[in-house]
């Protein structure tokens, strides 16, 4: 019932797409689910982000995939977008010294913190607001089914709109990843609850707007 209600809400939050009632928001629960995500991600990296390929093995997996939470949205059986949430130790610790996190996340909160990464949508899909809706579903799932209460995320400046409500606590912690080019990454920290409240507010706003114009 929970997944049905949330899926219904999020389908209506997707602004464009004639077949949005076919959309399903899901958490990967089996090895087969994960492999579908890895196959999708590998194909999209080849088209959109070829520099990410060097982080993957032959199965399209990196060192953090096996222990992470993976979420996806599909149109019938076709995956359209994916995102990953992994627990401590974080991938970003390869490039940032752990003590630099301390002004933003207390040591006792690390075990309740997830790092958001590997956001990617299909190059062609015909919908809007897919990623914000997937992030909202993911956060609701984690809040309901796990003890995760905080998040951290990093992204390039041009991709910051993907995070929407997850940008309320931007820091001055910036860094670059040499193998991914010269662009800088910005860091965001915050409470999942606050991001949920903002995301739900936005989703309900779009739902109401559709009813008013029906």
C-alpha atoms as a PDB file:
ATOM      1  CA  UNK A   1       0.000   0.000   0.000  1.00  0.00           C
ATOM      2  CA  UNK A   2       2.846   2.378   0.842  1.00  0.00           C
ATOM      3  CA  UNK A   3       4.604   1.854  -2.489  1.00  0.00           C
ATOM      4  CA  UNK A   4       1.311   2.117  -4.389  1.00  0.00           C
ATOM      5  CA  UNK A   5       0.389   5.442  -2.759  1.00  0.00           C
ATOM      6  CA  UNK A   6       3.837   6.948  -3.222  1.00  0.00           C
ATOM      7  CA  UNK A   7       4.027   5.791  -6.825  1.00  0.00           C
ATOM      8  CA  UNK A   8       0.647   7.379  -7.516  1.00  0.00           C
ATOM      9  CA  UNK A   9       1.764  10.684  -6.008  1.00  0.00           C
ATOM     10  CA  UNK A  10       5.058  10.698  -7.912  1.00  0.00           C
ATOM     11  CA  UNK A  11       3.486   9.795 -11.240  1.00  0.00           C
ATOM     12  CA  UNK A  12       1.361  12.903 -10.934  1.00  0.00           C
ATOM     13  CA  UNK A  13       4.432  14.960 -10.019  1.00  0.00           C
ATOM     14  CA  UNK A  14       6.045  14.169 -13.384  1.00  0.00           C
ATOM     15  CA  UNK A  15       5.048  17.139 -15.508  1.00  0.00           C
ATOM     16  CA  UNK A  16       5.371  15.807 -19.011  1.00  0.00           C
ATOM     17  CA  UNK A  17       4.861  12.425 -20.600  1.00  0.00           C
ATOM     18  CA  UNK A  18       1.719  10.902 -22.040  1.00  0.00           C
ATOM     19  CA  UNK A  19       2.416   7.494 -20.502  1.00  0.00           C
ATOM     20  CA  UNK A  20       3.368   8.617 -17.004  1.00  0.00           C
ATOM     21  CA  UNK A  21       0.828   6.198 -15.477  1.00  0.00           C
ATOM     22  CA  UNK A  22       3.149   3.422 -16.687  1.00  0.00           C
ATOM     23  CA  UNK A  23       5.975   4.721 -14.492  1.00  0.00           C
ATOM     24  CA  UNK A  24       7.125   2.638 -11.527  1.00  0.00           C
ATOM     25  CA  UNK A  25       9.515   3.828  -8.822  1.00  0.00           C
ATOM     26  CA  UNK A  26      11.424   0.961  -7.217  1.00  0.00           C
ATOM     27  CA  UNK A  27      14.270  -0.080  -4.955  1.00  0.00           C
ATOM     28  CA  UNK A  28      16.570  -2.822  -6.233  1.00  0.00           C
ATOM     29  CA  UNK A  29      15.828  -5.882  -4.087  1.00  0.00           C
ATOM     30  CA  UNK A  30      17.444  -8.754  -5.992  1.00  0.00           C
ATOM     31  CA  UNK A  31      20.722  -9.383  -7.841  1.00  0.00           C
ATOM     32  CA  UNK A  32      18.713  -9.300 -11.067  1.00  0.00           C
ATOM     33  CA  UNK A  33      17.373  -5.829 -10.202  1.00  0.00           C
ATOM     34  CA  UNK A  34      20.889  -4.594  -9.517  1.00  0.00           C
ATOM     35  CA  UNK A  35      22.233  -6.045 -12.754  1.00  0.00           C
ATOM     36  CA  UNK A  36      19.513  -4.266 -14.740  1.00  0.00           C
ATOM     37  CA  UNK A  37      20.590  -0.996 -13.126  1.00  0.00           C
ATOM     38  CA  UNK A  38      24.262  -1.686 -13.837  1.00  0.00           C
ATOM     39  CA  UNK A  39      23.495  -2.533 -17.479  1.00  0.00           C
ATOM     40  CA  UNK A  40      21.473   0.678 -17.857  1.00  0.00           C
ATOM     41  CA  UNK A  41      24.165   2.765 -16.201  1.00  0.00           C
ATOM     42  CA  UNK A  42      26.914   1.239 -18.341  1.00  0.00           C
ATOM     43  CA  UNK A  43      24.989   1.948 -21.553  1.00  0.00           C
ATOM     44  CA  UNK A  44      24.282   5.554 -20.554  1.00  0.00           C
ATOM     45  CA  UNK A  45      27.868   6.158 -19.443  1.00  0.00           C
ATOM     46  CA  UNK A  46      29.057   5.046 -22.864  1.00  0.00           C
ATOM     47  CA  UNK A  47      26.797   7.664 -24.471  1.00  0.00           C
ATOM     48  CA  UNK A  48      26.895  10.485 -21.929  1.00  0.00           C
ATOM     49  CA  UNK A  49      29.779  10.134 -19.452  1.00  0.00           C
ATOM     50  CA  UNK A  50      32.528   7.984 -20.973  1.00  0.00           C
ATOM     51  CA  UNK A  51      35.044   9.068 -18.313  1.00  0.00           C
ATOM     52  CA  UNK A  52      33.018   7.091 -15.748  1.00  0.00           C
ATOM     53  CA  UNK A  53      33.731   3.801 -17.504  1.00  0.00           C
ATOM     54  CA  UNK A  54      37.187   3.467 -15.986  1.00  0.00           C
ATOM     55  CA  UNK A  55      35.660   3.102 -12.504  1.00  0.00           C
ATOM     56  CA  UNK A  56      33.721  -0.042 -13.512  1.00  0.00           C
ATOM     57  CA  UNK A  57      34.562  -3.713 -13.826  1.00  0.00           C
ATOM     58  CA  UNK A  58      33.355  -5.982 -16.640  1.00  0.00           C
ATOM     59  CA  UNK A  59      29.932  -6.304 -14.986  1.00  0.00           C
ATOM     60  CA  UNK A  60      29.522  -2.525 -14.871  1.00  0.00           C
ATOM     61  CA  UNK A  61      30.044  -2.451 -11.097  1.00  0.00           C
ATOM     62  CA  UNK A  62      32.345  -0.334  -8.952  1.00  0.00           C
ATOM     63  CA  UNK A  63      33.657  -0.818  -5.406  1.00  0.00           C
ATOM     64  CA  UNK A  64      30.572   0.683  -3.727  1.00  0.00           C
ATOM     65  CA  UNK A  65      27.690  -0.846  -5.675  1.00  0.00           C
ATOM     66  CA  UNK A  66      27.402  -4.163  -3.838  1.00  0.00           C
ATOM     67  CA  UNK A  67      26.698  -2.581  -0.440  1.00  0.00           C
ATOM     68  CA  UNK A  68      24.626   0.418  -1.576  1.00  0.00           C
ATOM     69  CA  UNK A  69      20.925   1.115  -1.909  1.00  0.00           C
ATOM     70  CA  UNK A  70      19.930   1.438  -5.576  1.00  0.00           C
ATOM     71  CA  UNK A  71      16.709   3.033  -6.823  1.00  0.00           C
ATOM     72  CA  UNK A  72      15.257   3.309 -10.303  1.00  0.00           C
ATOM     73  CA  UNK A  73      12.205   4.435 -12.245  1.00  0.00           C
ATOM     74  CA  UNK A  74      10.972   2.483 -15.224  1.00  0.00           C
ATOM     75  CA  UNK A  75       8.352   2.887 -17.938  1.00  0.00           C
ATOM     76  CA  UNK A  76       6.894  -0.615 -18.072  1.00  0.00           C
ATOM     77  CA  UNK A  77      10.163  -2.602 -18.281  1.00  0.00           C
ATOM     78  CA  UNK A  78      12.447   0.147 -19.580  1.00  0.00           C
ATOM     79  CA  UNK A  79      14.624   1.841 -16.950  1.00  0.00           C
ATOM     80  CA  UNK A  80      14.682   5.623 -17.362  1.00  0.00           C
ATOM     81  CA  UNK A  81      16.703   6.881 -14.383  1.00  0.00           C
ATOM     82  CA  UNK A  82      18.762   5.524 -11.493  1.00  0.00           C
ATOM     83  CA  UNK A  83      20.402   6.804  -8.309  1.00  0.00           C
ATOM     84  CA  UNK A  84      22.587   5.236  -5.620  1.00  0.00           C
ATOM     85  CA  UNK A  85      22.785   5.848  -1.857  1.00  0.00           C
ATOM     86  CA  UNK A  86      25.765   4.350  -0.073  1.00  0.00           C
ATOM     87  CA  UNK A  87      26.666   4.297   3.593  1.00  0.00           C
ATOM     88  CA  UNK A  88      29.939   5.165   5.282  1.00  0.00           C
ATOM     89  CA  UNK A  89      32.762   4.851   4.200  1.00  0.00           C
ATOM     90  CA  UNK A  90      31.855   7.212   1.380  1.00  0.00           C
ATOM     91  CA  UNK A  91      33.172   7.243  -2.154  1.00  0.00           C
ATOM     92  CA  UNK A  92      34.059  10.941  -1.822  1.00  0.00           C
ATOM     93  CA  UNK A  93      36.609  10.083   0.858  1.00  0.00           C
ATOM     94  CA  UNK A  94      38.914   9.193  -2.043  1.00  0.00           C
ATOM     95  CA  UNK A  95      39.211  12.912  -2.764  1.00  0.00           C
ATOM     96  CA  UNK A  96      38.356  14.660   0.520  1.00  0.00           C
ATOM     97  CA  UNK A  97      39.994  14.130   3.885  1.00  0.00           C
ATOM     98  CA  UNK A  98      37.417  12.675   6.350  1.00  0.00           C
ATOM     99  CA  UNK A  99      38.040  15.381   8.961  1.00  0.00           C
ATOM    100  CA  UNK A 100      36.688  17.969   6.538  1.00  0.00           C
ATOM    101  CA  UNK A 101      33.236  16.397   6.942  1.00  0.00           C
ATOM    102  CA  UNK A 102      33.202  17.027  10.694  1.00  0.00           C
ATOM    103  CA  UNK A 103      31.871  20.634  10.602  1.00  0.00           C
ATOM    104  CA  UNK A 104      28.802  19.303   8.767  1.00  0.00           C
ATOM    105  CA  UNK A 105      28.223  15.765  10.057  1.00  0.00           C
ATOM    106  CA  UNK A 106      29.040  14.723  13.614  1.00  0.00           C
ATOM    107  CA  UNK A 107      31.034  11.528  14.055  1.00  0.00           C
ATOM    108  CA  UNK A 108      28.078   9.812  15.752  1.00  0.00           C
ATOM    109  CA  UNK A 109      25.886  10.605  12.716  1.00  0.00           C
ATOM    110  CA  UNK A 110      28.103   8.936  10.122  1.00  0.00           C
ATOM    111  CA  UNK A 111      26.393   5.556  10.490  1.00  0.00           C
ATOM    112  CA  UNK A 112      23.054   7.223   9.762  1.00  0.00           C
ATOM    113  CA  UNK A 113      24.308   9.134   6.739  1.00  0.00           C
ATOM    114  CA  UNK A 114      24.080   8.144   3.084  1.00  0.00           C
ATOM    115  CA  UNK A 115      25.991   9.559   0.152  1.00  0.00           C
ATOM    116  CA  UNK A 116      23.945  10.266  -2.980  1.00  0.00           C
ATOM    117  CA  UNK A 117      25.716   9.428  -6.229  1.00  0.00           C
ATOM    118  CA  UNK A 118      25.453   7.864  -9.690  1.00  0.00           C
ATOM    119  CA  UNK A 119      22.423   9.891 -10.748  1.00  0.00           C
ATOM    120  CA  UNK A 120      21.761   9.400 -14.446  1.00  0.00           C
ATOM    121  CA  UNK A 121      18.723   9.497 -16.707  1.00  0.00           C
ATOM    122  CA  UNK A 122      18.259   7.989 -20.132  1.00  0.00           C
ATOM    123  CA  UNK A 123      19.370  10.301 -22.908  1.00  0.00           C
ATOM    124  CA  UNK A 124      15.914   9.986 -24.488  1.00  0.00           C
ATOM    125  CA  UNK A 125      12.871   9.471 -22.269  1.00  0.00           C
ATOM    126  CA  UNK A 126      10.183  12.141 -22.878  1.00  0.00           C
ATOM    127  CA  UNK A 127       9.494  13.065 -19.245  1.00  0.00           C
ATOM    128  CA  UNK A 128      10.276  15.959 -16.924  1.00  0.00           C
ATOM    129  CA  UNK A 129      11.074  15.889 -13.187  1.00  0.00           C
ATOM    130  CA  UNK A 130      12.103  12.237 -13.298  1.00  0.00           C
ATOM    131  CA  UNK A 131      15.172  12.660 -11.112  1.00  0.00           C
ATOM    132  CA  UNK A 132      13.551  14.895  -8.438  1.00  0.00           C
ATOM    133  CA  UNK A 133      10.710  12.373  -8.215  1.00  0.00           C
ATOM    134  CA  UNK A 134      13.131   9.439  -7.969  1.00  0.00           C
ATOM    135  CA  UNK A 135      15.095  11.220  -5.242  1.00  0.00           C
ATOM    136  CA  UNK A 136      11.880  11.802  -3.321  1.00  0.00           C
ATOM    137  CA  UNK A 137      10.867   8.146  -3.605  1.00  0.00           C
ATOM    138  CA  UNK A 138      14.348   7.037  -2.521  1.00  0.00           C
ATOM    139  CA  UNK A 139      14.298   9.310   0.521  1.00  0.00           C
ATOM    140  CA  UNK A 140      10.852   8.121   1.575  1.00  0.00           C
ATOM    141  CA  UNK A 141      11.985   4.516   1.255  1.00  0.00           C
ATOM    142  CA  UNK A 142      15.126   5.093   3.310  1.00  0.00           C
ATOM    143  CA  UNK A 143      13.247   7.024   5.998  1.00  0.00           C
ATOM    144  CA  UNK A 144      10.641   4.278   6.321  1.00  0.00           C
ATOM    145  CA  UNK A 145      12.804   1.162   6.007  1.00  0.00           C
ATOM    146  CA  UNK A 146      16.233   2.116   7.394  1.00  0.00           C
ATOM    147  CA  UNK A 147      17.848   4.204  10.130  1.00  0.00           C
ATOM    148  CA  UNK A 148      19.319   6.647   7.587  1.00  0.00           C
ATOM    149  CA  UNK A 149      18.521  10.215   8.636  1.00  0.00           C
ATOM    150  CA  UNK A 150      21.185  12.379   6.964  1.00  0.00           C
ATOM    151  CA  UNK A 151      22.534  12.752   3.460  1.00  0.00           C
ATOM    152  CA  UNK A 152      25.554  14.108   1.683  1.00  0.00           C
ATOM    153  CA  UNK A 153      25.926  14.680  -2.029  1.00  0.00           C
ATOM    154  CA  UNK A 154      28.304  16.231  -4.488  1.00  0.00           C
ATOM    155  CA  UNK A 155      27.688  17.445  -8.002  1.00  0.00           C
ATOM    156  CA  UNK A 156      28.952  19.706 -10.735  1.00  0.00           C
ATOM    157  CA  UNK A 157      27.528  23.207 -10.762  1.00  0.00           C
ATOM    158  CA  UNK A 158      25.605  22.635 -14.000  1.00  0.00           C
ATOM    159  CA  UNK A 159      23.856  19.602 -12.465  1.00  0.00           C
ATOM    160  CA  UNK A 160      22.782  21.190  -9.184  1.00  0.00           C
ATOM    161  CA  UNK A 161      19.111  21.450 -10.218  1.00  0.00           C
ATOM    162  CA  UNK A 162      18.864  17.660 -10.093  1.00  0.00           C
ATOM    163  CA  UNK A 163      19.032  17.865  -6.308  1.00  0.00           C
ATOM    164  CA  UNK A 164      16.372  20.555  -5.749  1.00  0.00           C
ATOM    165  CA  UNK A 165      15.447  20.199  -2.063  1.00  0.00           C
ATOM    166  CA  UNK A 166      18.758  18.466  -1.329  1.00  0.00           C
ATOM    167  CA  UNK A 167      20.663  21.729  -1.733  1.00  0.00           C
ATOM    168  CA  UNK A 168      19.571  23.545   1.424  1.00  0.00           C
ATOM    169  CA  UNK A 169      22.942  23.050   3.129  1.00  0.00           C
ATOM    170  CA  UNK A 170      25.548  23.764   0.495  1.00  0.00           C
ATOM    171  CA  UNK A 171      29.027  24.055   1.959  1.00  0.00           C
ATOM    172  CA  UNK A 172      32.207  25.782   0.915  1.00  0.00           C
ATOM    173  CA  UNK A 173      33.743  22.333   0.525  1.00  0.00           C
ATOM    174  CA  UNK A 174      34.674  22.203  -3.157  1.00  0.00           C
ATOM    175  CA  UNK A 175      36.996  19.794  -4.910  1.00  0.00           C
ATOM    176  CA  UNK A 176      37.850  18.328  -8.306  1.00  0.00           C
ATOM    177  CA  UNK A 177      38.314  14.784  -9.565  1.00  0.00           C
ATOM    178  CA  UNK A 178      41.228  14.724 -11.957  1.00  0.00           C
ATOM    179  CA  UNK A 179      40.048  11.789 -14.062  1.00  0.00           C
ATOM    180  CA  UNK A 180      36.676  13.494 -14.622  1.00  0.00           C
ATOM    181  CA  UNK A 181      37.993  16.794 -15.965  1.00  0.00           C
ATOM    182  CA  UNK A 182      38.777  20.226 -14.609  1.00  0.00           C
ATOM    183  CA  UNK A 183      35.283  21.163 -13.399  1.00  0.00           C
ATOM    184  CA  UNK A 184      34.696  21.698  -9.681  1.00  0.00           C
ATOM    185  CA  UNK A 185      32.275  19.752  -7.510  1.00  0.00           C
ATOM    186  CA  UNK A 186      30.207  21.262  -4.688  1.00  0.00           C
ATOM    187  CA  UNK A 187      29.175  19.427  -1.539  1.00  0.00           C
ATOM    188  CA  UNK A 188      25.757  19.352   0.134  1.00  0.00           C
ATOM    189  CA  UNK A 189      24.845  18.024   3.558  1.00  0.00           C
ATOM    190  CA  UNK A 190      21.490  17.881   5.316  1.00  0.00           C
ATOM    191  CA  UNK A 191      18.685  15.991   7.003  1.00  0.00           C
ATOM    192  CA  UNK A 192      16.635  13.584   4.934  1.00  0.00           C
ATOM    193  CA  UNK A 193      13.521  14.731   6.789  1.00  0.00           C
ATOM    194  CA  UNK A 194      13.930  18.322   5.613  1.00  0.00           C
ATOM    195  CA  UNK A 195      14.544  17.214   2.033  1.00  0.00           C
ATOM    196  CA  UNK A 196      11.442  15.010   2.244  1.00  0.00           C
ATOM    197  CA  UNK A 197       9.268  17.866   3.470  1.00  0.00           C
ATOM    198  CA  UNK A 198      10.466  20.097   0.642  1.00  0.00           C
ATOM    199  CA  UNK A 199      10.047  17.350  -1.951  1.00  0.00           C
ATOM    200  CA  UNK A 200       6.538  16.439  -0.775  1.00  0.00           C
ATOM    201  CA  UNK A 201       5.532  20.090  -0.748  1.00  0.00           C
ATOM    202  CA  UNK A 202       6.661  20.431  -4.358  1.00  0.00           C
ATOM    203  CA  UNK A 203       4.943  17.195  -5.414  1.00  0.00           C
ATOM    204  CA  UNK A 204       1.639  18.200  -3.805  1.00  0.00           C
ATOM    205  CA  UNK A 205       1.913  21.638  -5.429  1.00  0.00           C
ATOM    206  CA  UNK A 206       2.182  20.102  -8.891  1.00  0.00           C
ATOM    207  CA  UNK A 207      -0.646  17.667  -8.153  1.00  0.00           C
ATOM    208  CA  UNK A 208      -2.922  20.508  -7.053  1.00  0.00           C
ATOM    209  CA  UNK A 209      -2.007  22.606 -10.072  1.00  0.00           C
ATOM    210  CA  UNK A 210      -3.043  19.744 -12.354  1.00  0.00           C
ATOM    211  CA  UNK A 211      -6.380  19.381 -10.573  1.00  0.00           C
ATOM    212  CA  UNK A 212      -7.016  23.132 -10.832  1.00  0.00           C
ATOM    213  CA  UNK A 213      -6.453  23.015 -14.573  1.00  0.00           C
ATOM    214  CA  UNK A 214      -8.351  19.787 -15.186  1.00  0.00           C
END
